Amino acid sequence: MRRALAIGLALAFVVGGNAAAHAAVAGYETCPAGKVCVYERWHGTGPRWDVPGCGWWELPSWIRNEVSSVRTHGNAMSLLDVANGEIVGRVRAHTATNLASWENERADKVHVEC
């Protein structure tokens, strides 16, 4: 009985761990090819805004100061905190990442490099 319970718990842990890993990847995969996408939550989850193109873009009010993760396909990008006049983060091309604690939820504008 104890052995069966231990095996069941181990199996649940392995299956649950794999599901969580796949969910994190699937979040970033929602970003269309060739786009730069910003997400409200970590791991490419939550509401997403697709940056329209190259250059500077003001974030829409619903995601301004809420960006926690970014997916870039072919272009690098920068995140700007307008109130403090500083670039709070840079993300290289072909990257899917959570923002660092000092970058998280601070961006008002983004710049896509082309």
PDB file of N, CA and C in Angstrom:
ATOM      1  N   MET A   1       0.819  -1.190   0.000  1.00  0.00           N
ATOM      2  CA  MET A   1       0.000   0.000   0.000  1.00  0.00           C
ATOM      3  C   MET A   1       0.865   1.257   0.000  1.00  0.00           C
ATOM      4  N   ARG A   2       1.871   1.299   0.891  1.00  0.00           N
ATOM      5  CA  ARG A   2       2.750   2.467   0.940  1.00  0.00           C
ATOM      6  C   ARG A   2       3.514   2.631  -0.365  1.00  0.00           C
ATOM      7  N   ARG A   3       3.956   1.494  -0.927  1.00  0.00           N
ATOM      8  CA  ARG A   3       4.716   1.554  -2.186  1.00  0.00           C
ATOM      9  C   ARG A   3       3.847   2.122  -3.308  1.00  0.00           C
ATOM     10  N   ALA A   4       2.610   1.684  -3.389  1.00  0.00           N
ATOM     11  CA  ALA A   4       1.693   2.182  -4.424  1.00  0.00           C
ATOM     12  C   ALA A   4       1.455   3.680  -4.259  1.00  0.00           C
ATOM     13  N   LEU A   5       1.298   4.125  -3.020  1.00  0.00           N
ATOM     14  CA  LEU A   5       1.103   5.549  -2.754  1.00  0.00           C
ATOM     15  C   LEU A   5       2.337   6.351  -3.161  1.00  0.00           C
ATOM     16  N   ALA A   6       3.515   5.853  -2.829  1.00  0.00           N
ATOM     17  CA  ALA A   6       4.761   6.539  -3.192  1.00  0.00           C
ATOM     18  C   ALA A   6       4.925   6.623  -4.700  1.00  0.00           C
ATOM     19  N   ILE A   7       4.621   5.546  -5.401  1.00  0.00           N
ATOM     20  CA  ILE A   7       4.716   5.546  -6.870  1.00  0.00           C
ATOM     21  C   ILE A   7       3.714   6.538  -7.454  1.00  0.00           C
ATOM     22  N   GLY A   8       2.509   6.552  -6.909  1.00  0.00           N
ATOM     23  CA  GLY A   8       1.491   7.481  -7.393  1.00  0.00           C
ATOM     24  C   GLY A   8       1.900   8.939  -7.199  1.00  0.00           C
ATOM     25  N   LEU A   9       2.452   9.255  -6.042  1.00  0.00           N
ATOM     26  CA  LEU A   9       2.914  10.621  -5.780  1.00  0.00           C
ATOM     27  C   LEU A   9       4.067  11.004  -6.696  1.00  0.00           C
ATOM     28  N   ALA A  10       5.000  10.087  -6.911  1.00  0.00           N
ATOM     29  CA  ALA A  10       6.128  10.366  -7.807  1.00  0.00           C
ATOM     30  C   ALA A  10       5.642  10.597  -9.223  1.00  0.00           C
ATOM     31  N   LEU A  11       4.710   9.797  -9.681  1.00  0.00           N
ATOM     32  CA  LEU A  11       4.163   9.945 -11.034  1.00  0.00           C
ATOM     33  C   LEU A  11       3.434  11.282 -11.172  1.00  0.00           C
ATOM     34  N   ALA A  12       2.650  11.655 -10.174  1.00  0.00           N
ATOM     35  CA  ALA A  12       1.935  12.938 -10.211  1.00  0.00           C
ATOM     36  C   ALA A  12       2.920  14.095 -10.280  1.00  0.00           C
ATOM     37  N   PHE A  13       4.030  14.017  -9.549  1.00  0.00           N
ATOM     38  CA  PHE A  13       5.040  15.064  -9.575  1.00  0.00           C
ATOM     39  C   PHE A  13       5.668  15.184 -10.951  1.00  0.00           C
ATOM     40  N   VAL A  14       6.038  14.063 -11.552  1.00  0.00           N
ATOM     41  CA  VAL A  14       6.677  14.072 -12.877  1.00  0.00           C
ATOM     42  C   VAL A  14       5.723  14.604 -13.923  1.00  0.00           C
ATOM     43  N   VAL A  15       4.492  14.137 -13.932  1.00  0.00           N
ATOM     44  CA  VAL A  15       3.511  14.598 -14.924  1.00  0.00           C
ATOM     45  C   VAL A  15       3.223  16.083 -14.724  1.00  0.00           C
ATOM     46  N   GLY A  16       3.029  16.505 -13.491  1.00  0.00           N
ATOM     47  CA  GLY A  16       2.764  17.917 -13.211  1.00  0.00           C
ATOM     48  C   GLY A  16       3.927  18.798 -13.612  1.00  0.00           C
ATOM     49  N   GLY A  17       5.142  18.377 -13.344  1.00  0.00           N
ATOM     50  CA  GLY A  17       6.327  19.150 -13.715  1.00  0.00           C
ATOM     51  C   GLY A  17       6.446  19.323 -15.206  1.00  0.00           C
ATOM     52  N   ASN A  18       6.202  18.268 -15.962  1.00  0.00           N
ATOM     53  CA  ASN A  18       6.270  18.356 -17.421  1.00  0.00           C
ATOM     54  C   ASN A  18       5.181  19.263 -17.970  1.00  0.00           C
ATOM     55  N   ALA A  19       3.999  19.204 -17.408  1.00  0.00           N
ATOM     56  CA  ALA A  19       2.906  20.065 -17.883  1.00  0.00           C
ATOM     57  C   ALA A  19       3.249  21.530 -17.665  1.00  0.00           C
ATOM     58  N   ALA A  20       3.827  21.848 -16.517  1.00  0.00           N
ATOM     59  CA  ALA A  20       4.193  23.235 -16.245  1.00  0.00           C
ATOM     60  C   ALA A  20       5.258  23.721 -17.215  1.00  0.00           C
ATOM     61  N   ALA A  21       6.224  22.886 -17.528  1.00  0.00           N
ATOM     62  CA  ALA A  21       7.274  23.268 -18.473  1.00  0.00           C
ATOM     63  C   ALA A  21       6.688  23.529 -19.851  1.00  0.00           C
ATOM     64  N   HIS A  22       5.773  22.689 -20.289  1.00  0.00           N
ATOM     65  CA  HIS A  22       5.165  22.888 -21.606  1.00  0.00           C
ATOM     66  C   HIS A  22       4.281  24.123 -21.637  1.00  0.00           C
ATOM     67  N   ALA A  23       3.603  24.422 -20.540  1.00  0.00           N
ATOM     68  CA  ALA A  23       2.754  25.614 -20.489  1.00  0.00           C
ATOM     69  C   ALA A  23       3.589  26.874 -20.637  1.00  0.00           C
ATOM     70  N   ALA A  24       4.763  26.915 -20.032  1.00  0.00           N
ATOM     71  CA  ALA A  24       5.622  28.094 -20.132  1.00  0.00           C
ATOM     72  C   ALA A  24       6.065  28.316 -21.566  1.00  0.00           C
ATOM     73  N   VAL A  25       6.426  27.257 -22.265  1.00  0.00           N
ATOM     74  CA  VAL A  25       6.853  27.373 -23.662  1.00  0.00           C
ATOM     75  C   VAL A  25       5.675  27.806 -24.529  1.00  0.00           C
ATOM     76  N   ALA A  26       4.515  27.227 -24.294  1.00  0.00           N
ATOM     77  CA  ALA A  26       3.339  27.536 -25.106  1.00  0.00           C
ATOM     78  C   ALA A  26       2.964  29.011 -25.011  1.00  0.00           C
ATOM     79  N   GLY A  27       3.194  29.653 -23.859  1.00  0.00           N
ATOM     80  CA  GLY A  27       2.867  31.068 -23.711  1.00  0.00           C
ATOM     81  C   GLY A  27       3.613  31.932 -24.714  1.00  0.00           C
ATOM     82  N   TYR A  28       4.921  31.753 -24.804  1.00  0.00           N
ATOM     83  CA  TYR A  28       5.729  32.538 -25.734  1.00  0.00           C
ATOM     84  C   TYR A  28       5.395  32.206 -27.185  1.00  0.00           C
ATOM     85  N   GLU A  29       4.952  30.992 -27.439  1.00  0.00           N
ATOM     86  CA  GLU A  29       4.634  30.586 -28.811  1.00  0.00           C
ATOM     87  C   GLU A  29       3.405  31.284 -29.365  1.00  0.00           C
ATOM     88  N   THR A  30       2.659  32.015 -28.521  1.00  0.00           N
ATOM     89  CA  THR A  30       1.502  32.748 -29.023  1.00  0.00           C
ATOM     90  C   THR A  30       1.912  33.998 -29.796  1.00  0.00           C
ATOM     91  N   CYS A  31       3.170  34.409 -29.674  1.00  0.00           N
ATOM     92  CA  CYS A  31       3.659  35.593 -30.391  1.00  0.00           C
ATOM     93  C   CYS A  31       3.839  35.243 -31.870  1.00  0.00           C
ATOM     94  N   PRO A  32       3.163  35.951 -32.781  1.00  0.00           N
ATOM     95  CA  PRO A  32       3.276  35.643 -34.204  1.00  0.00           C
ATOM     96  C   PRO A  32       4.711  35.786 -34.723  1.00  0.00           C
ATOM     97  N   ALA A  33       5.086  34.940 -35.657  1.00  0.00           N
ATOM     98  CA  ALA A  33       6.421  34.985 -36.262  1.00  0.00           C
ATOM     99  C   ALA A  33       6.701  36.377 -36.812  1.00  0.00           C
ATOM    100  N   GLY A  34       7.911  36.866 -36.554  1.00  0.00           N
ATOM    101  CA  GLY A  34       8.329  38.165 -37.054  1.00  0.00           C
ATOM    102  C   GLY A  34       7.938  39.344 -36.169  1.00  0.00           C
ATOM    103  N   LYS A  35       7.181  39.102 -35.128  1.00  0.00           N
ATOM    104  CA  LYS A  35       6.713  40.177 -34.239  1.00  0.00           C
ATOM    105  C   LYS A  35       7.558  40.269 -32.977  1.00  0.00           C
ATOM    106  N   VAL A  36       7.379  41.374 -32.273  1.00  0.00           N
ATOM    107  CA  VAL A  36       7.864  41.543 -30.908  1.00  0.00           C
ATOM    108  C   VAL A  36       6.607  41.647 -30.050  1.00  0.00           C
ATOM    109  N   CYS A  37       6.523  40.822 -29.015  1.00  0.00           N
ATOM    110  CA  CYS A  37       5.338  40.799 -28.157  1.00  0.00           C
ATOM    111  C   CYS A  37       5.724  41.056 -26.710  1.00  0.00           C
ATOM    112  N   VAL A  38       4.895  41.820 -26.013  1.00  0.00           N
ATOM    113  CA  VAL A  38       5.083  42.040 -24.587  1.00  0.00           C
ATOM    114  C   VAL A  38       3.876  41.445 -23.862  1.00  0.00           C
ATOM    115  N   TYR A  39       4.145  40.836 -22.709  1.00  0.00           N
ATOM    116  CA  TYR A  39       3.116  40.134 -21.949  1.00  0.00           C
ATOM    117  C   TYR A  39       2.994  40.726 -20.547  1.00  0.00           C
ATOM    118  N   GLU A  40       1.788  40.693 -20.035  1.00  0.00           N
ATOM    119  CA  GLU A  40       1.545  41.236 -18.701  1.00  0.00           C
ATOM    120  C   GLU A  40       2.127  40.336 -17.608  1.00  0.00           C
ATOM    121  N   ARG A  41       2.210  39.039 -17.869  1.00  0.00           N
ATOM    122  CA  ARG A  41       2.694  38.122 -16.835  1.00  0.00           C
ATOM    123  C   ARG A  41       3.963  37.404 -17.303  1.00  0.00           C
ATOM    124  N   TRP A  42       4.599  36.723 -16.369  1.00  0.00           N
ATOM    125  CA  TRP A  42       5.812  35.971 -16.686  1.00  0.00           C
ATOM    126  C   TRP A  42       5.527  34.799 -17.606  1.00  0.00           C
ATOM    127  N   HIS A  43       6.568  34.328 -18.252  1.00  0.00           N
ATOM    128  CA  HIS A  43       6.544  33.140 -19.120  1.00  0.00           C
ATOM    129  C   HIS A  43       5.647  33.322 -20.343  1.00  0.00           C
ATOM    130  N   GLY A  44       5.492  34.566 -20.798  1.00  0.00           N
ATOM    131  CA  GLY A  44       4.687  34.811 -21.989  1.00  0.00           C
ATOM    132  C   GLY A  44       3.212  34.520 -21.778  1.00  0.00           C
ATOM    133  N   THR A  45       2.714  34.820 -20.586  1.00  0.00           N
ATOM    134  CA  THR A  45       1.298  34.562 -20.307  1.00  0.00           C
ATOM    135  C   THR A  45       0.591  35.867 -19.980  1.00  0.00           C
ATOM    136  N   GLY A  46      -0.712  35.780 -19.863  1.00  0.00           N
ATOM    137  CA  GLY A  46      -1.525  36.961 -19.587  1.00  0.00           C
ATOM    138  C   GLY A  46      -1.779  37.738 -20.863  1.00  0.00           C
ATOM    139  N   PRO A  47      -2.414  38.880 -20.743  1.00  0.00           N
ATOM    140  CA  PRO A  47      -2.688  39.702 -21.923  1.00  0.00           C
ATOM    141  C   PRO A  47      -1.398  40.034 -22.678  1.00  0.00           C
ATOM    142  N   ARG A  48      -1.489  40.014 -24.002  1.00  0.00           N
ATOM    143  CA  ARG A  48      -0.324  40.242 -24.871  1.00  0.00           C
ATOM    144  C   ARG A  48      -0.588  41.436 -25.783  1.00  0.00           C
ATOM    145  N   TRP A  49       0.463  42.238 -26.007  1.00  0.00           N
ATOM    146  CA  TRP A  49       0.395  43.307 -27.008  1.00  0.00           C
ATOM    147  C   TRP A  49       1.491  43.057 -28.016  1.00  0.00           C
ATOM    148  N   ASP A  50       1.113  43.048 -29.301  1.00  0.00           N
ATOM    149  CA  ASP A  50       2.065  42.885 -30.396  1.00  0.00           C
ATOM    150  C   ASP A  50       2.517  44.266 -30.847  1.00  0.00           C
ATOM    151  N   VAL A  51       3.809  44.543 -30.724  1.00  0.00           N
ATOM    152  CA  VAL A  51       4.342  45.837 -31.146  1.00  0.00           C
ATOM    153  C   VAL A  51       4.150  45.943 -32.662  1.00  0.00           C
ATOM    154  N   PRO A  52       3.539  47.046 -33.156  1.00  0.00           N
ATOM    155  CA  PRO A  52       3.184  47.148 -34.572  1.00  0.00           C
ATOM    156  C   PRO A  52       4.354  47.128 -35.565  1.00  0.00           C
ATOM    157  N   GLY A  53       5.547  47.550 -35.151  1.00  0.00           N
ATOM    158  CA  GLY A  53       6.654  47.587 -36.106  1.00  0.00           C
ATOM    159  C   GLY A  53       7.905  48.191 -35.483  1.00  0.00           C
ATOM    160  N   CYS A  54       8.783  48.661 -36.339  1.00  0.00           N
ATOM    161  CA  CYS A  54      10.053  49.252 -35.888  1.00  0.00           C
ATOM    162  C   CYS A  54       9.826  50.637 -35.283  1.00  0.00           C
ATOM    163  N   GLY A  55      10.786  51.063 -34.449  1.00  0.00           N
ATOM    164  CA  GLY A  55      10.743  52.399 -33.887  1.00  0.00           C
ATOM    165  C   GLY A  55      10.161  52.433 -32.490  1.00  0.00           C
ATOM    166  N   TRP A  56       9.871  53.668 -32.031  1.00  0.00           N
ATOM    167  CA  TRP A  56       9.327  53.883 -30.695  1.00  0.00           C
ATOM    168  C   TRP A  56       7.814  53.739 -30.697  1.00  0.00           C
ATOM    169  N   TRP A  57       7.283  53.077 -29.668  1.00  0.00           N
ATOM    170  CA  TRP A  57       5.846  52.886 -29.519  1.00  0.00           C
ATOM    171  C   TRP A  57       5.461  53.086 -28.065  1.00  0.00           C
ATOM    172  N   GLU A  58       4.431  53.886 -27.846  1.00  0.00           N
ATOM    173  CA  GLU A  58       3.885  54.025 -26.497  1.00  0.00           C
ATOM    174  C   GLU A  58       3.017  52.803 -26.226  1.00  0.00           C
ATOM    175  N   LEU A  59       3.188  52.215 -25.050  1.00  0.00           N
ATOM    176  CA  LEU A  59       2.379  51.057 -24.697  1.00  0.00           C
ATOM    177  C   LEU A  59       0.932  51.480 -24.450  1.00  0.00           C
ATOM    178  N   PRO A  60      -0.032  50.664 -24.860  1.00  0.00           N
ATOM    179  CA  PRO A  60      -1.434  50.977 -24.562  1.00  0.00           C
ATOM    180  C   PRO A  60      -1.646  51.051 -23.050  1.00  0.00           C
ATOM    181  N   SER A  61      -2.620  51.828 -22.617  1.00  0.00           N
ATOM    182  CA  SER A  61      -2.840  52.061 -21.186  1.00  0.00           C
ATOM    183  C   SER A  61      -3.050  50.770 -20.396  1.00  0.00           C
ATOM    184  N   TRP A  62      -3.654  49.759 -20.989  1.00  0.00           N
ATOM    185  CA  TRP A  62      -3.959  48.530 -20.251  1.00  0.00           C
ATOM    186  C   TRP A  62      -2.713  47.686 -19.939  1.00  0.00           C
ATOM    187  N   ILE A  63      -1.592  47.943 -20.629  1.00  0.00           N
ATOM    188  CA  ILE A  63      -0.376  47.184 -20.352  1.00  0.00           C
ATOM    189  C   ILE A  63       0.788  48.088 -19.923  1.00  0.00           C
ATOM    190  N   ARG A  64       0.571  49.400 -19.955  1.00  0.00           N
ATOM    191  CA  ARG A  64       1.614  50.350 -19.526  1.00  0.00           C
ATOM    192  C   ARG A  64       1.974  50.085 -18.065  1.00  0.00           C
ATOM    193  N   ASN A  65       3.271  50.002 -17.795  1.00  0.00           N
ATOM    194  CA  ASN A  65       3.799  49.695 -16.455  1.00  0.00           C
ATOM    195  C   ASN A  65       3.342  48.330 -15.936  1.00  0.00           C
ATOM    196  N   GLU A  66       3.032  47.408 -16.848  1.00  0.00           N
ATOM    197  CA  GLU A  66       2.584  46.065 -16.470  1.00  0.00           C
ATOM    198  C   GLU A  66       3.384  44.963 -17.162  1.00  0.00           C
ATOM    199  N   VAL A  67       4.315  45.293 -18.041  1.00  0.00           N
ATOM    200  CA  VAL A  67       5.041  44.284 -18.817  1.00  0.00           C
ATOM    201  C   VAL A  67       5.968  43.475 -17.907  1.00  0.00           C
ATOM    202  N   SER A  68       5.828  42.145 -17.977  1.00  0.00           N
ATOM    203  CA  SER A  68       6.659  41.247 -17.163  1.00  0.00           C
ATOM    204  C   SER A  68       7.489  40.278 -17.988  1.00  0.00           C
ATOM    205  N   SER A  69       7.106  40.050 -19.268  1.00  0.00           N
ATOM    206  CA  SER A  69       7.893  39.165 -20.121  1.00  0.00           C
ATOM    207  C   SER A  69       7.794  39.623 -21.573  1.00  0.00           C
ATOM    208  N   VAL A  70       8.781  39.198 -22.367  1.00  0.00           N
ATOM    209  CA  VAL A  70       8.907  39.667 -23.750  1.00  0.00           C
ATOM    210  C   VAL A  70       9.318  38.509 -24.649  1.00  0.00           C
ATOM    211  N   ARG A  71       8.800  38.514 -25.885  1.00  0.00           N
ATOM    212  CA  ARG A  71       9.238  37.578 -26.928  1.00  0.00           C
ATOM    213  C   ARG A  71       9.632  38.403 -28.135  1.00  0.00           C
ATOM    214  N   THR A  72      10.869  38.250 -28.586  1.00  0.00           N
ATOM    215  CA  THR A  72      11.316  38.911 -29.817  1.00  0.00           C
ATOM    216  C   THR A  72      11.645  37.838 -30.828  1.00  0.00           C
ATOM    217  N   HIS A  73      11.317  38.087 -32.067  1.00  0.00           N
ATOM    218  CA  HIS A  73      11.675  37.133 -33.114  1.00  0.00           C
ATOM    219  C   HIS A  73      12.948  37.639 -33.788  1.00  0.00           C
ATOM    220  N   GLY A  74      12.848  38.551 -34.729  1.00  0.00           N
ATOM    221  CA  GLY A  74      14.025  38.958 -35.483  1.00  0.00           C
ATOM    222  C   GLY A  74      14.646  40.274 -35.080  1.00  0.00           C
ATOM    223  N   ASN A  75      14.047  40.987 -34.139  1.00  0.00           N
ATOM    224  CA  ASN A  75      14.536  42.316 -33.795  1.00  0.00           C
ATOM    225  C   ASN A  75      14.738  42.470 -32.294  1.00  0.00           C
ATOM    226  N   ALA A  76      15.813  43.143 -31.919  1.00  0.00           N
ATOM    227  CA  ALA A  76      16.038  43.486 -30.513  1.00  0.00           C
ATOM    228  C   ALA A  76      15.103  44.623 -30.123  1.00  0.00           C
ATOM    229  N   MET A  77      14.904  44.817 -28.827  1.00  0.00           N
ATOM    230  CA  MET A  77      14.036  45.892 -28.361  1.00  0.00           C
ATOM    231  C   MET A  77      14.540  46.465 -27.051  1.00  0.00           C
ATOM    232  N   SER A  78      14.108  47.692 -26.773  1.00  0.00           N
ATOM    233  CA  SER A  78      14.399  48.355 -25.504  1.00  0.00           C
ATOM    234  C   SER A  78      13.080  48.748 -24.860  1.00  0.00           C
ATOM    235  N   LEU A  79      13.080  48.798 -23.527  1.00  0.00           N
ATOM    236  CA  LEU A  79      11.914  49.234 -22.763  1.00  0.00           C
ATOM    237  C   LEU A  79      12.281  50.529 -22.061  1.00  0.00           C
ATOM    238  N   LEU A  80      11.402  51.539 -22.133  1.00  0.00           N
ATOM    239  CA  LEU A  80      11.678  52.859 -21.590  1.00  0.00           C
ATOM    240  C   LEU A  80      10.695  53.222 -20.483  1.00  0.00           C
ATOM    241  N   ASP A  81      11.222  53.784 -19.414  1.00  0.00           N
ATOM    242  CA  ASP A  81      10.415  54.365 -18.338  1.00  0.00           C
ATOM    243  C   ASP A  81      10.412  55.868 -18.594  1.00  0.00           C
ATOM    244  N   VAL A  82       9.338  56.382 -19.168  1.00  0.00           N
ATOM    245  CA  VAL A  82       9.259  57.784 -19.574  1.00  0.00           C
ATOM    246  C   VAL A  82       9.358  58.718 -18.371  1.00  0.00           C
ATOM    247  N   ALA A  83       8.663  58.394 -17.291  1.00  0.00           N
ATOM    248  CA  ALA A  83       8.645  59.268 -16.114  1.00  0.00           C
ATOM    249  C   ALA A  83      10.041  59.532 -15.578  1.00  0.00           C
ATOM    250  N   ASN A  84      10.917  58.524 -15.625  1.00  0.00           N
ATOM    251  CA  ASN A  84      12.284  58.679 -15.121  1.00  0.00           C
ATOM    252  C   ASN A  84      13.296  58.917 -16.235  1.00  0.00           C
ATOM    253  N   GLY A  85      12.831  58.909 -17.481  1.00  0.00           N
ATOM    254  CA  GLY A  85      13.712  59.169 -18.612  1.00  0.00           C
ATOM    255  C   GLY A  85      14.848  58.176 -18.764  1.00  0.00           C
ATOM    256  N   GLU A  86      14.567  56.909 -18.493  1.00  0.00           N
ATOM    257  CA  GLU A  86      15.632  55.917 -18.589  1.00  0.00           C
ATOM    258  C   GLU A  86      15.185  54.647 -19.308  1.00  0.00           C
ATOM    259  N   ILE A  87      16.136  54.030 -19.969  1.00  0.00           N
ATOM    260  CA  ILE A  87      15.887  52.720 -20.563  1.00  0.00           C
ATOM    261  C   ILE A  87      16.036  51.709 -19.438  1.00  0.00           C
ATOM    262  N   VAL A  88      14.965  50.973 -19.177  1.00  0.00           N
ATOM    263  CA  VAL A  88      14.973  50.044 -18.046  1.00  0.00           C
ATOM    264  C   VAL A  88      15.365  48.628 -18.447  1.00  0.00           C
ATOM    265  N   GLY A  89      15.383  48.356 -19.749  1.00  0.00           N
ATOM    266  CA  GLY A  89      15.767  47.017 -20.171  1.00  0.00           C
ATOM    267  C   GLY A  89      15.977  46.921 -21.659  1.00  0.00           C
ATOM    268  N   ARG A  90      16.768  45.936 -22.049  1.00  0.00           N
ATOM    269  CA  ARG A  90      17.002  45.619 -23.453  1.00  0.00           C
ATOM    270  C   ARG A  90      16.851  44.115 -23.619  1.00  0.00           C
ATOM    271  N   VAL A  91      16.252  43.726 -24.734  1.00  0.00           N
ATOM    272  CA  VAL A  91      16.050  42.312 -25.020  1.00  0.00           C
ATOM    273  C   VAL A  91      16.594  42.037 -26.416  1.00  0.00           C
ATOM    274  N   ARG A  92      17.487  41.060 -26.520  1.00  0.00           N
ATOM    275  CA  ARG A  92      18.093  40.720 -27.814  1.00  0.00           C
ATOM    276  C   ARG A  92      17.077  40.071 -28.752  1.00  0.00           C
ATOM    277  N   ALA A  93      17.406  40.044 -30.022  1.00  0.00           N
ATOM    278  CA  ALA A  93      16.566  39.372 -31.018  1.00  0.00           C
ATOM    279  C   ALA A  93      16.516  37.875 -30.720  1.00  0.00           C
ATOM    280  N   HIS A  94      15.447  37.242 -31.148  1.00  0.00           N
ATOM    281  CA  HIS A  94      15.260  35.790 -31.006  1.00  0.00           C
ATOM    282  C   HIS A  94      15.330  35.354 -29.546  1.00  0.00           C
ATOM    283  N   THR A  95      14.613  36.081 -28.691  1.00  0.00           N
ATOM    284  CA  THR A  95      14.643  35.815 -27.252  1.00  0.00           C
ATOM    285  C   THR A  95      13.225  35.731 -26.694  1.00  0.00           C
ATOM    286  N   ALA A  96      13.030  34.827 -25.747  1.00  0.00           N
ATOM    287  CA  ALA A  96      11.799  34.742 -24.956  1.00  0.00           C
ATOM    288  C   ALA A  96      12.252  34.781 -23.503  1.00  0.00           C
ATOM    289  N   THR A  97      11.836  35.822 -22.759  1.00  0.00           N
ATOM    290  CA  THR A  97      12.389  35.991 -21.411  1.00  0.00           C
ATOM    291  C   THR A  97      11.439  36.717 -20.471  1.00  0.00           C
ATOM    292  N   ASN A  98      11.596  36.407 -19.195  1.00  0.00           N
ATOM    293  CA  ASN A  98      10.970  37.209 -18.151  1.00  0.00           C
ATOM    294  C   ASN A  98      11.874  38.410 -17.915  1.00  0.00           C
ATOM    295  N   LEU A  99      11.291  39.534 -17.551  1.00  0.00           N
ATOM    296  CA  LEU A  99      12.090  40.707 -17.234  1.00  0.00           C
ATOM    297  C   LEU A  99      12.682  40.563 -15.840  1.00  0.00           C
ATOM    298  N   ALA A 100      13.848  41.142 -15.654  1.00  0.00           N
ATOM    299  CA  ALA A 100      14.485  41.146 -14.335  1.00  0.00           C
ATOM    300  C   ALA A 100      13.663  42.016 -13.386  1.00  0.00           C
ATOM    301  N   SER A 101      13.866  41.851 -12.093  1.00  0.00           N
ATOM    302  CA  SER A 101      13.069  42.587 -11.100  1.00  0.00           C
ATOM    303  C   SER A 101      13.157  44.102 -11.288  1.00  0.00           C
ATOM    304  N   TRP A 102      14.308  44.623 -11.706  1.00  0.00           N
ATOM    305  CA  TRP A 102      14.457  46.075 -11.883  1.00  0.00           C
ATOM    306  C   TRP A 102      13.845  46.570 -13.203  1.00  0.00           C
ATOM    307  N   GLU A 103      13.471  45.650 -14.099  1.00  0.00           N
ATOM    308  CA  GLU A 103      12.820  46.006 -15.369  1.00  0.00           C
ATOM    309  C   GLU A 103      11.311  45.802 -15.301  1.00  0.00           C
ATOM    310  N   ASN A 104      10.899  44.883 -14.461  1.00  0.00           N
ATOM    311  CA  ASN A 104       9.516  44.417 -14.392  1.00  0.00           C
ATOM    312  C   ASN A 104       8.538  45.544 -14.050  1.00  0.00           C
ATOM    313  N   GLU A 105       7.472  45.625 -14.846  1.00  0.00           N
ATOM    314  CA  GLU A 105       6.360  46.558 -14.615  1.00  0.00           C
ATOM    315  C   GLU A 105       6.793  48.013 -14.527  1.00  0.00           C
ATOM    316  N   ARG A 106       7.753  48.419 -15.385  1.00  0.00           N
ATOM    317  CA  ARG A 106       8.218  49.816 -15.394  1.00  0.00           C
ATOM    318  C   ARG A 106       8.108  50.492 -16.755  1.00  0.00           C
ATOM    319  N   ALA A 107       7.860  49.754 -17.809  1.00  0.00           N
ATOM    320  CA  ALA A 107       7.928  50.325 -19.163  1.00  0.00           C
ATOM    321  C   ALA A 107       6.650  51.077 -19.552  1.00  0.00           C
ATOM    322  N   ASP A 108       6.877  52.270 -20.134  1.00  0.00           N
ATOM    323  CA  ASP A 108       5.809  53.080 -20.723  1.00  0.00           C
ATOM    324  C   ASP A 108       5.861  53.010 -22.245  1.00  0.00           C
ATOM    325  N   LYS A 109       7.069  52.851 -22.774  1.00  0.00           N
ATOM    326  CA  LYS A 109       7.300  52.819 -24.221  1.00  0.00           C
ATOM    327  C   LYS A 109       8.266  51.688 -24.540  1.00  0.00           C
ATOM    328  N   VAL A 110       8.239  51.270 -25.807  1.00  0.00           N
ATOM    329  CA  VAL A 110       9.206  50.278 -26.291  1.00  0.00           C
ATOM    330  C   VAL A 110       9.817  50.786 -27.588  1.00  0.00           C
ATOM    331  N   HIS A 111      11.015  50.331 -27.859  1.00  0.00           N
ATOM    332  CA  HIS A 111      11.687  50.648 -29.118  1.00  0.00           C
ATOM    333  C   HIS A 111      12.143  49.351 -29.760  1.00  0.00           C
ATOM    334  N   VAL A 112      11.655  49.116 -30.979  1.00  0.00           N
ATOM    335  CA  VAL A 112      12.066  47.930 -31.729  1.00  0.00           C
ATOM    336  C   VAL A 112      13.133  48.372 -32.723  1.00  0.00           C
ATOM    337  N   GLU A 113      14.300  47.739 -32.642  1.00  0.00           N
ATOM    338  CA  GLU A 113      15.427  48.069 -33.513  1.00  0.00           C
ATOM    339  C   GLU A 113      15.306  47.311 -34.833  1.00  0.00           C
ATOM    340  N   CYS A 114      15.466  48.040 -35.933  1.00  0.00           N
ATOM    341  CA  CYS A 114      15.397  47.403 -37.258  1.00  0.00           C
ATOM    342  C   CYS A 114      16.582  47.804 -38.110  1.00  0.00           C
TER     343      CYS A 114
END
